[in-house]
Structures are given as structure tokens and as C-alpha cells.
mmCIF file of all heavy atoms, coordinates in Angstrom:
data_MODEL
# 
_entry.id   MODEL 
# 
loop_
_atom_site.group_PDB 
_atom_site.id 
_atom_site.type_symbol 
_atom_site.label_atom_id 
_atom_site.label_alt_id 
_atom_site.label_comp_id 
_atom_site.label_asym_id 
_atom_site.label_entity_id 
_atom_site.label_seq_id 
_atom_site.pdbx_PDB_ins_code 
_atom_site.Cartn_x 
_atom_site.Cartn_y 
_atom_site.Cartn_z 
_atom_site.occupancy 
_atom_site.B_iso_or_equiv 
_atom_site.pdbx_formal_charge 
_atom_site.auth_seq_id 
_atom_site.auth_comp_id 
_atom_site.auth_asym_id 
_atom_site.auth_atom_id 
_atom_site.pdbx_PDB_model_num 
ATOM 1   N N   . ALA A 1 1  ? -12.799 -9.204  -15.415 1.00 0.00 ? 1  ALA A N   1 
ATOM 2   C CA  . ALA A 1 1  ? -13.968 -10.006 -15.492 1.00 0.00 ? 1  ALA A CA  1 
ATOM 3   C C   . ALA A 1 1  ? -13.684 -11.365 -16.153 1.00 0.00 ? 1  ALA A C   1 
ATOM 4   O O   . ALA A 1 1  ? -14.239 -12.416 -15.826 1.00 0.00 ? 1  ALA A O   1 
ATOM 5   C CB  . ALA A 1 1  ? -15.089 -9.259  -16.366 1.00 0.00 ? 1  ALA A CB  1 
ATOM 6   N N   . LEU A 1 2  ? -12.782 -11.277 -17.189 1.00 0.00 ? 2  LEU A N   1 
ATOM 7   C CA  . LEU A 1 2  ? -12.421 -12.563 -17.918 1.00 0.00 ? 2  LEU A CA  1 
ATOM 8   C C   . LEU A 1 2  ? -11.475 -13.441 -17.200 1.00 0.00 ? 2  LEU A C   1 
ATOM 9   O O   . LEU A 1 2  ? -11.189 -14.538 -17.615 1.00 0.00 ? 2  LEU A O   1 
ATOM 10  C CB  . LEU A 1 2  ? -11.993 -12.288 -19.267 1.00 0.00 ? 2  LEU A CB  1 
ATOM 11  C CG  . LEU A 1 2  ? -13.013 -11.659 -20.177 1.00 0.00 ? 2  LEU A CG  1 
ATOM 12  C CD1 . LEU A 1 2  ? -12.339 -11.331 -21.599 1.00 0.00 ? 2  LEU A CD1 1 
ATOM 13  C CD2 . LEU A 1 2  ? -14.187 -12.681 -20.559 1.00 0.00 ? 2  LEU A CD2 1 
ATOM 14  N N   . GLN A 1 3  ? -10.764 -12.810 -16.192 1.00 0.00 ? 3  GLN A N   1 
ATOM 15  C CA  . GLN A 1 3  ? -9.726  -13.664 -15.501 1.00 0.00 ? 3  GLN A CA  1 
ATOM 16  C C   . GLN A 1 3  ? -10.138 -14.971 -14.921 1.00 0.00 ? 3  GLN A C   1 
ATOM 17  O O   . GLN A 1 3  ? -9.412  -15.970 -15.086 1.00 0.00 ? 3  GLN A O   1 
ATOM 18  C CB  . GLN A 1 3  ? -9.071  -12.679 -14.374 1.00 0.00 ? 3  GLN A CB  1 
ATOM 19  C CG  . GLN A 1 3  ? -7.993  -13.348 -13.593 1.00 0.00 ? 3  GLN A CG  1 
ATOM 20  C CD  . GLN A 1 3  ? -6.659  -13.557 -14.344 1.00 0.00 ? 3  GLN A CD  1 
ATOM 21  O OE1 . GLN A 1 3  ? -6.679  -13.150 -15.493 1.00 0.00 ? 3  GLN A OE1 1 
ATOM 22  N NE2 . GLN A 1 3  ? -5.746  -14.153 -13.743 1.00 0.00 ? 3  GLN A NE2 1 
ATOM 23  N N   . PRO A 1 4  ? -11.284 -15.051 -14.295 1.00 0.00 ? 4  PRO A N   1 
ATOM 24  C CA  . PRO A 1 4  ? -11.751 -16.345 -13.699 1.00 0.00 ? 4  PRO A CA  1 
ATOM 25  C C   . PRO A 1 4  ? -11.930 -17.423 -14.921 1.00 0.00 ? 4  PRO A C   1 
ATOM 26  O O   . PRO A 1 4  ? -11.691 -18.639 -14.657 1.00 0.00 ? 4  PRO A O   1 
ATOM 27  C CB  . PRO A 1 4  ? -13.069 -16.096 -13.081 1.00 0.00 ? 4  PRO A CB  1 
ATOM 28  C CG  . PRO A 1 4  ? -13.034 -14.568 -12.642 1.00 0.00 ? 4  PRO A CG  1 
ATOM 29  C CD  . PRO A 1 4  ? -12.182 -13.870 -13.840 1.00 0.00 ? 4  PRO A CD  1 
ATOM 30  N N   . VAL A 1 5  ? -12.421 -16.927 -15.962 1.00 0.00 ? 5  VAL A N   1 
ATOM 31  C CA  . VAL A 1 5  ? -12.566 -17.928 -17.130 1.00 0.00 ? 5  VAL A CA  1 
ATOM 32  C C   . VAL A 1 5  ? -11.214 -18.400 -17.597 1.00 0.00 ? 5  VAL A C   1 
ATOM 33  O O   . VAL A 1 5  ? -11.079 -19.645 -17.801 1.00 0.00 ? 5  VAL A O   1 
ATOM 34  C CB  . VAL A 1 5  ? -13.275 -17.183 -18.355 1.00 0.00 ? 5  VAL A CB  1 
ATOM 35  C CG1 . VAL A 1 5  ? -13.334 -18.188 -19.537 1.00 0.00 ? 5  VAL A CG1 1 
ATOM 36  C CG2 . VAL A 1 5  ? -14.628 -16.634 -17.933 1.00 0.00 ? 5  VAL A CG2 1 
ATOM 37  N N   . VAL A 1 6  ? -10.219 -17.538 -17.716 1.00 0.00 ? 6  VAL A N   1 
ATOM 38  C CA  . VAL A 1 6  ? -8.901  -18.005 -18.122 1.00 0.00 ? 6  VAL A CA  1 
ATOM 39  C C   . VAL A 1 6  ? -8.222  -18.867 -17.045 1.00 0.00 ? 6  VAL A C   1 
ATOM 40  O O   . VAL A 1 6  ? -7.685  -19.901 -17.322 1.00 0.00 ? 6  VAL A O   1 
ATOM 41  C CB  . VAL A 1 6  ? -8.037  -16.835 -18.418 1.00 0.00 ? 6  VAL A CB  1 
ATOM 42  C CG1 . VAL A 1 6  ? -6.574  -17.218 -18.813 1.00 0.00 ? 6  VAL A CG1 1 
ATOM 43  C CG2 . VAL A 1 6  ? -8.594  -15.968 -19.525 1.00 0.00 ? 6  VAL A CG2 1 
ATOM 44  N N   . GLN A 1 7  ? -8.420  -18.503 -15.707 1.00 0.00 ? 7  GLN A N   1 
ATOM 45  C CA  . GLN A 1 7  ? -7.781  -19.177 -14.676 1.00 0.00 ? 7  GLN A CA  1 
ATOM 46  C C   . GLN A 1 7  ? -8.409  -20.553 -14.517 1.00 0.00 ? 7  GLN A C   1 
ATOM 47  O O   . GLN A 1 7  ? -7.714  -21.629 -14.224 1.00 0.00 ? 7  GLN A O   1 
ATOM 48  C CB  . GLN A 1 7  ? -8.046  -18.489 -13.344 1.00 0.00 ? 7  GLN A CB  1 
ATOM 49  C CG  . GLN A 1 7  ? -6.929  -17.387 -13.141 1.00 0.00 ? 7  GLN A CG  1 
ATOM 50  C CD  . GLN A 1 7  ? -7.041  -16.835 -11.703 1.00 0.00 ? 7  GLN A CD  1 
ATOM 51  O OE1 . GLN A 1 7  ? -8.084  -16.818 -11.058 1.00 0.00 ? 7  GLN A OE1 1 
ATOM 52  N NE2 . GLN A 1 7  ? -5.919  -16.264 -11.186 1.00 0.00 ? 7  GLN A NE2 1 
ATOM 53  N N   . ALA A 1 8  ? -9.671  -20.683 -14.880 1.00 0.00 ? 8  ALA A N   1 
ATOM 54  C CA  . ALA A 1 8  ? -10.392 -22.017 -14.683 1.00 0.00 ? 8  ALA A CA  1 
ATOM 55  C C   . ALA A 1 8  ? -9.954  -22.988 -15.908 1.00 0.00 ? 8  ALA A C   1 
ATOM 56  O O   . ALA A 1 8  ? -10.346 -24.159 -15.829 1.00 0.00 ? 8  ALA A O   1 
ATOM 57  C CB  . ALA A 1 8  ? -11.876 -21.866 -14.688 1.00 0.00 ? 8  ALA A CB  1 
ATOM 58  N N   . GLY A 1 9  ? -9.287  -22.488 -16.821 1.00 0.00 ? 9  GLY A N   1 
ATOM 59  C CA  . GLY A 1 9  ? -8.793  -23.320 -17.968 1.00 0.00 ? 9  GLY A CA  1 
ATOM 60  C C   . GLY A 1 9  ? -9.830  -23.538 -18.968 1.00 0.00 ? 9  GLY A C   1 
ATOM 61  O O   . GLY A 1 9  ? -9.671  -24.314 -19.927 1.00 0.00 ? 9  GLY A O   1 
ATOM 62  N N   . LEU A 1 10 ? -10.910 -22.661 -18.993 1.00 0.00 ? 10 LEU A N   1 
ATOM 63  C CA  . LEU A 1 10 ? -11.850 -22.880 -20.011 1.00 0.00 ? 10 LEU A CA  1 
ATOM 64  C C   . LEU A 1 10 ? -11.431 -22.259 -21.354 1.00 0.00 ? 10 LEU A C   1 
ATOM 65  O O   . LEU A 1 10 ? -12.098 -22.487 -22.375 1.00 0.00 ? 10 LEU A O   1 
ATOM 66  C CB  . LEU A 1 10 ? -13.178 -22.097 -19.501 1.00 0.00 ? 10 LEU A CB  1 
ATOM 67  C CG  . LEU A 1 10 ? -13.803 -22.774 -18.257 1.00 0.00 ? 10 LEU A CG  1 
ATOM 68  C CD1 . LEU A 1 10 ? -15.134 -21.887 -17.964 1.00 0.00 ? 10 LEU A CD1 1 
ATOM 69  C CD2 . LEU A 1 10 ? -14.220 -24.137 -18.457 1.00 0.00 ? 10 LEU A CD2 1 
ATOM 70  N N   . ALA A 1 11 ? -10.395 -21.576 -21.326 1.00 0.00 ? 11 ALA A N   1 
ATOM 71  C CA  . ALA A 1 11 ? -9.882  -20.918 -22.568 1.00 0.00 ? 11 ALA A CA  1 
ATOM 72  C C   . ALA A 1 11 ? -9.079  -21.993 -23.366 1.00 0.00 ? 11 ALA A C   1 
ATOM 73  O O   . ALA A 1 11 ? -8.677  -21.696 -24.480 1.00 0.00 ? 11 ALA A O   1 
ATOM 74  C CB  . ALA A 1 11 ? -9.056  -19.670 -22.252 1.00 0.00 ? 11 ALA A CB  1 
ATOM 75  N N   . GLU A 1 12 ? -8.757  -23.090 -22.746 1.00 0.00 ? 12 GLU A N   1 
ATOM 76  C CA  . GLU A 1 12 ? -8.010  -24.170 -23.530 1.00 0.00 ? 12 GLU A CA  1 
ATOM 77  C C   . GLU A 1 12 ? -8.765  -24.660 -24.680 1.00 0.00 ? 12 GLU A C   1 
ATOM 78  O O   . GLU A 1 12 ? -10.029 -25.048 -24.564 1.00 0.00 ? 12 GLU A O   1 
ATOM 79  C CB  . GLU A 1 12 ? -7.560  -25.200 -22.502 1.00 0.00 ? 12 GLU A CB  1 
ATOM 80  C CG  . GLU A 1 12 ? -6.561  -24.773 -21.469 1.00 0.00 ? 12 GLU A CG  1 
ATOM 81  C CD  . GLU A 1 12 ? -6.249  -25.859 -20.500 1.00 0.00 ? 12 GLU A CD  1 
ATOM 82  O OE1 . GLU A 1 12 ? -6.545  -27.092 -20.745 1.00 0.00 ? 12 GLU A OE1 1 
ATOM 83  O OE2 . GLU A 1 12 ? -5.704  -25.486 -19.381 1.00 0.00 ? 12 GLU A OE2 1 
ATOM 84  N N   . GLY A 1 13 ? -8.176  -24.746 -25.783 1.00 0.00 ? 13 GLY A N   1 
ATOM 85  C CA  . GLY A 1 13 ? -8.820  -25.365 -26.895 1.00 0.00 ? 13 GLY A CA  1 
ATOM 86  C C   . GLY A 1 13 ? -9.459  -24.400 -27.831 1.00 0.00 ? 13 GLY A C   1 
ATOM 87  O O   . GLY A 1 13 ? -9.965  -24.730 -28.986 1.00 0.00 ? 13 GLY A O   1 
ATOM 88  N N   . PHE A 1 14 ? -9.375  -23.153 -27.457 1.00 0.00 ? 14 PHE A N   1 
ATOM 89  C CA  . PHE A 1 14 ? -9.826  -22.006 -28.369 1.00 0.00 ? 14 PHE A CA  1 
ATOM 90  C C   . PHE A 1 14 ? -9.029  -20.907 -28.215 1.00 0.00 ? 14 PHE A C   1 
ATOM 91  O O   . PHE A 1 14 ? -8.448  -20.517 -27.159 1.00 0.00 ? 14 PHE A O   1 
ATOM 92  C CB  . PHE A 1 14 ? -11.361 -21.697 -28.317 1.00 0.00 ? 14 PHE A CB  1 
ATOM 93  C CG  . PHE A 1 14 ? -11.674 -20.989 -26.986 1.00 0.00 ? 14 PHE A CG  1 
ATOM 94  C CD1 . PHE A 1 14 ? -11.730 -19.679 -26.963 1.00 0.00 ? 14 PHE A CD1 1 
ATOM 95  C CD2 . PHE A 1 14 ? -12.064 -21.656 -25.883 1.00 0.00 ? 14 PHE A CD2 1 
ATOM 96  C CE1 . PHE A 1 14 ? -12.059 -18.875 -25.952 1.00 0.00 ? 14 PHE A CE1 1 
ATOM 97  C CE2 . PHE A 1 14 ? -12.432 -20.996 -24.745 1.00 0.00 ? 14 PHE A CE2 1 
ATOM 98  C CZ  . PHE A 1 14 ? -12.523 -19.670 -24.859 1.00 0.00 ? 14 PHE A CZ  1 
ATOM 99  N N   . GLY A 1 15 ? -8.915  -19.934 -29.280 1.00 0.00 ? 15 GLY A N   1 
ATOM 100 C CA  . GLY A 1 15 ? -8.168  -18.724 -29.143 1.00 0.00 ? 15 GLY A CA  1 
ATOM 101 C C   . GLY A 1 15 ? -9.173  -17.526 -28.881 1.00 0.00 ? 15 GLY A C   1 
ATOM 102 O O   . GLY A 1 15 ? -9.943  -17.211 -29.883 1.00 0.00 ? 15 GLY A O   1 
ATOM 103 N N   . LEU A 1 16 ? -9.276  -16.976 -27.785 1.00 0.00 ? 16 LEU A N   1 
ATOM 104 C CA  . LEU A 1 16 ? -10.005 -15.913 -27.402 1.00 0.00 ? 16 LEU A CA  1 
ATOM 105 C C   . LEU A 1 16 ? -9.317  -14.637 -28.046 1.00 0.00 ? 16 LEU A C   1 
ATOM 106 O O   . LEU A 1 16 ? -8.193  -14.271 -27.780 1.00 0.00 ? 16 LEU A O   1 
ATOM 107 C CB  . LEU A 1 16 ? -10.161 -15.718 -25.892 1.00 0.00 ? 16 LEU A CB  1 
ATOM 108 C CG  . LEU A 1 16 ? -10.972 -14.496 -25.455 1.00 0.00 ? 16 LEU A CG  1 
ATOM 109 C CD1 . LEU A 1 16 ? -12.464 -14.584 -25.974 1.00 0.00 ? 16 LEU A CD1 1 
ATOM 110 C CD2 . LEU A 1 16 ? -10.914 -14.300 -23.970 1.00 0.00 ? 16 LEU A CD2 1 
ATOM 111 N N   . GLU A 1 17 ? -10.121 -13.919 -28.953 1.00 0.00 ? 17 GLU A N   1 
ATOM 112 C CA  . GLU A 1 17 ? -9.551  -12.684 -29.535 1.00 0.00 ? 17 GLU A CA  1 
ATOM 113 C C   . GLU A 1 17 ? -10.570 -11.571 -29.138 1.00 0.00 ? 17 GLU A C   1 
ATOM 114 O O   . GLU A 1 17 ? -11.649 -11.630 -29.433 1.00 0.00 ? 17 GLU A O   1 
ATOM 115 C CB  . GLU A 1 17 ? -9.538  -12.950 -31.030 1.00 0.00 ? 17 GLU A CB  1 
ATOM 116 C CG  . GLU A 1 17 ? -8.986  -11.720 -31.784 1.00 0.00 ? 17 GLU A CG  1 
ATOM 117 C CD  . GLU A 1 17 ? -8.894  -11.873 -33.242 1.00 0.00 ? 17 GLU A CD  1 
ATOM 118 O OE1 . GLU A 1 17 ? -9.334  -12.930 -33.697 1.00 0.00 ? 17 GLU A OE1 1 
ATOM 119 O OE2 . GLU A 1 17 ? -8.540  -11.014 -34.032 1.00 0.00 ? 17 GLU A OE2 1 
ATOM 120 N N   . LEU A 1 18 ? -9.880  -10.540 -28.572 1.00 0.00 ? 18 LEU A N   1 
ATOM 121 C CA  . LEU A 1 18 ? -10.563 -9.287  -28.159 1.00 0.00 ? 18 LEU A CA  1 
ATOM 122 C C   . LEU A 1 18 ? -10.456 -8.268  -29.365 1.00 0.00 ? 18 LEU A C   1 
ATOM 123 O O   . LEU A 1 18 ? -9.286  -7.930  -29.524 1.00 0.00 ? 18 LEU A O   1 
ATOM 124 C CB  . LEU A 1 18 ? -10.132 -8.779  -26.891 1.00 0.00 ? 18 LEU A CB  1 
ATOM 125 C CG  . LEU A 1 18 ? -10.203 -9.701  -25.687 1.00 0.00 ? 18 LEU A CG  1 
ATOM 126 C CD1 . LEU A 1 18 ? -9.641  -9.189  -24.448 1.00 0.00 ? 18 LEU A CD1 1 
ATOM 127 C CD2 . LEU A 1 18 ? -11.668 -10.064 -25.426 1.00 0.00 ? 18 LEU A CD2 1 
ATOM 128 N N   . ILE A 1 19 ? -11.480 -7.860  -29.947 1.00 0.00 ? 19 ILE A N   1 
ATOM 129 C CA  . ILE A 1 19 ? -11.408 -6.977  -31.010 1.00 0.00 ? 19 ILE A CA  1 
ATOM 130 C C   . ILE A 1 19 ? -11.964 -5.540  -30.451 1.00 0.00 ? 19 ILE A C   1 
ATOM 131 O O   . ILE A 1 19 ? -13.053 -5.534  -29.902 1.00 0.00 ? 19 ILE A O   1 
ATOM 132 C CB  . ILE A 1 19 ? -12.282 -7.375  -32.277 1.00 0.00 ? 19 ILE A CB  1 
ATOM 133 C CG1 . ILE A 1 19 ? -11.589 -8.611  -32.830 1.00 0.00 ? 19 ILE A CG1 1 
ATOM 134 C CG2 . ILE A 1 19 ? -12.326 -6.243  -33.316 1.00 0.00 ? 19 ILE A CG2 1 
ATOM 135 C CD1 . ILE A 1 19 ? -12.405 -9.238  -33.915 1.00 0.00 ? 19 ILE A CD1 1 
ATOM 136 N N   . VAL A 1 20 ? -11.179 -4.484  -30.620 1.00 0.00 ? 20 VAL A N   1 
ATOM 137 C CA  . VAL A 1 20 ? -11.574 -3.226  -29.987 1.00 0.00 ? 20 VAL A CA  1 
ATOM 138 C C   . VAL A 1 20 ? -12.178 -2.350  -30.999 1.00 0.00 ? 20 VAL A C   1 
ATOM 139 O O   . VAL A 1 20 ? -11.691 -2.123  -32.217 1.00 0.00 ? 20 VAL A O   1 
ATOM 140 C CB  . VAL A 1 20 ? -10.349 -2.470  -29.428 1.00 0.00 ? 20 VAL A CB  1 
ATOM 141 C CG1 . VAL A 1 20 ? -10.641 -1.114  -28.910 1.00 0.00 ? 20 VAL A CG1 1 
ATOM 142 C CG2 . VAL A 1 20 ? -9.731  -3.418  -28.370 1.00 0.00 ? 20 VAL A CG2 1 
ATOM 143 N N   . ASP A 1 21 ? -13.332 -1.700  -30.641 1.00 0.00 ? 21 ASP A N   1 
ATOM 144 C CA  . ASP A 1 21 ? -14.010 -0.711  -31.459 1.00 0.00 ? 21 ASP A CA  1 
ATOM 145 C C   . ASP A 1 21 ? -14.856 0.183   -30.484 1.00 0.00 ? 21 ASP A C   1 
ATOM 146 O O   . ASP A 1 21 ? -15.036 -0.178  -29.263 1.00 0.00 ? 21 ASP A O   1 
ATOM 147 C CB  . ASP A 1 21 ? -14.976 -1.328  -32.551 1.00 0.00 ? 21 ASP A CB  1 
ATOM 148 C CG  . ASP A 1 21 ? -15.190 -0.432  -33.712 1.00 0.00 ? 21 ASP A CG  1 
ATOM 149 O OD1 . ASP A 1 21 ? -14.992 0.743   -33.521 1.00 0.00 ? 21 ASP A OD1 1 
ATOM 150 O OD2 . ASP A 1 21 ? -15.661 -0.869  -34.737 1.00 0.00 ? 21 ASP A OD2 1 
ATOM 151 N N   . ASP A 1 22 ? -15.383 1.308   -30.936 1.00 0.00 ? 22 ASP A N   1 
ATOM 152 C CA  . ASP A 1 22 ? -16.250 2.141   -30.161 1.00 0.00 ? 22 ASP A CA  1 
ATOM 153 C C   . ASP A 1 22 ? -17.565 1.313   -29.834 1.00 0.00 ? 22 ASP A C   1 
ATOM 154 O O   . ASP A 1 22 ? -18.006 0.559   -30.650 1.00 0.00 ? 22 ASP A O   1 
ATOM 155 C CB  . ASP A 1 22 ? -16.611 3.386   -30.935 1.00 0.00 ? 22 ASP A CB  1 
ATOM 156 C CG  . ASP A 1 22 ? -17.417 4.365   -30.149 1.00 0.00 ? 22 ASP A CG  1 
ATOM 157 O OD1 . ASP A 1 22 ? -16.868 5.211   -29.561 1.00 0.00 ? 22 ASP A OD1 1 
ATOM 158 O OD2 . ASP A 1 22 ? -18.630 4.282   -30.246 1.00 0.00 ? 22 ASP A OD2 1 
ATOM 159 N N   . GLN A 1 23 ? -17.996 1.608   -28.685 1.00 0.00 ? 23 GLN A N   1 
ATOM 160 C CA  . GLN A 1 23 ? -19.160 0.837   -28.113 1.00 0.00 ? 23 GLN A CA  1 
ATOM 161 C C   . GLN A 1 23 ? -20.480 0.979   -28.972 1.00 0.00 ? 23 GLN A C   1 
ATOM 162 O O   . GLN A 1 23 ? -21.334 0.200   -28.999 1.00 0.00 ? 23 GLN A O   1 
ATOM 163 C CB  . GLN A 1 23 ? -19.403 1.220   -26.722 1.00 0.00 ? 23 GLN A CB  1 
ATOM 164 C CG  . GLN A 1 23 ? -19.849 2.690   -26.554 1.00 0.00 ? 23 GLN A CG  1 
ATOM 165 C CD  . GLN A 1 23 ? -18.736 3.457   -26.078 1.00 0.00 ? 23 GLN A CD  1 
ATOM 166 O OE1 . GLN A 1 23 ? -17.421 3.047   -26.173 1.00 0.00 ? 23 GLN A OE1 1 
ATOM 167 N NE2 . GLN A 1 23 ? -18.983 4.738   -25.594 1.00 0.00 ? 23 GLN A NE2 1 
ATOM 168 N N   . ASP A 1 24 ? -20.518 2.188   -29.901 1.00 0.00 ? 24 ASP A N   1 
ATOM 169 C CA  . ASP A 1 24 ? -21.620 2.253   -30.714 1.00 0.00 ? 24 ASP A CA  1 
ATOM 170 C C   . ASP A 1 24 ? -21.435 1.598   -32.036 1.00 0.00 ? 24 ASP A C   1 
ATOM 171 O O   . ASP A 1 24 ? -22.356 1.484   -32.790 1.00 0.00 ? 24 ASP A O   1 
ATOM 172 C CB  . ASP A 1 24 ? -21.726 3.764   -31.017 1.00 0.00 ? 24 ASP A CB  1 
ATOM 173 C CG  . ASP A 1 24 ? -22.182 4.543   -29.828 1.00 0.00 ? 24 ASP A CG  1 
ATOM 174 O OD1 . ASP A 1 24 ? -22.822 4.008   -28.846 1.00 0.00 ? 24 ASP A OD1 1 
ATOM 175 O OD2 . ASP A 1 24 ? -21.800 5.871   -29.677 1.00 0.00 ? 24 ASP A OD2 1 
ATOM 176 N N   . PHE A 1 25 ? -20.323 0.949   -32.174 1.00 0.00 ? 25 PHE A N   1 
ATOM 177 C CA  . PHE A 1 25 ? -20.065 0.251   -33.398 1.00 0.00 ? 25 PHE A CA  1 
ATOM 178 C C   . PHE A 1 25 ? -19.712 -1.159  -33.302 1.00 0.00 ? 25 PHE A C   1 
ATOM 179 O O   . PHE A 1 25 ? -19.641 -1.975  -34.357 1.00 0.00 ? 25 PHE A O   1 
ATOM 180 C CB  . PHE A 1 25 ? -18.837 0.961   -34.146 1.00 0.00 ? 25 PHE A CB  1 
ATOM 181 C CG  . PHE A 1 25 ? -19.203 2.468   -34.575 1.00 0.00 ? 25 PHE A CG  1 
ATOM 182 C CD1 . PHE A 1 25 ? -18.911 3.442   -33.777 1.00 0.00 ? 25 PHE A CD1 1 
ATOM 183 C CD2 . PHE A 1 25 ? -19.564 2.681   -35.898 1.00 0.00 ? 25 PHE A CD2 1 
ATOM 184 C CE1 . PHE A 1 25 ? -19.199 4.728   -34.090 1.00 0.00 ? 25 PHE A CE1 1 
ATOM 185 C CE2 . PHE A 1 25 ? -19.857 3.958   -36.300 1.00 0.00 ? 25 PHE A CE2 1 
ATOM 186 C CZ  . PHE A 1 25 ? -19.599 5.012   -35.355 1.00 0.00 ? 25 PHE A CZ  1 
# 
């Protein structure tokens, strides 16, 4: 899902950080 965002270059200029936790938390 996030691949098009990255491919479009919109991630330049910020660090996208994915933090993992249970969906209830």
C-alpha cells in the first residue's frame, strides 16, 4: 500500500518510521 508513496518520491525530506504493536494497542 505504501509502495506508490515511496515510488512517487513523497517520502523525500522525512523519515517514515513504522512502529509495530498489536492492533488493539
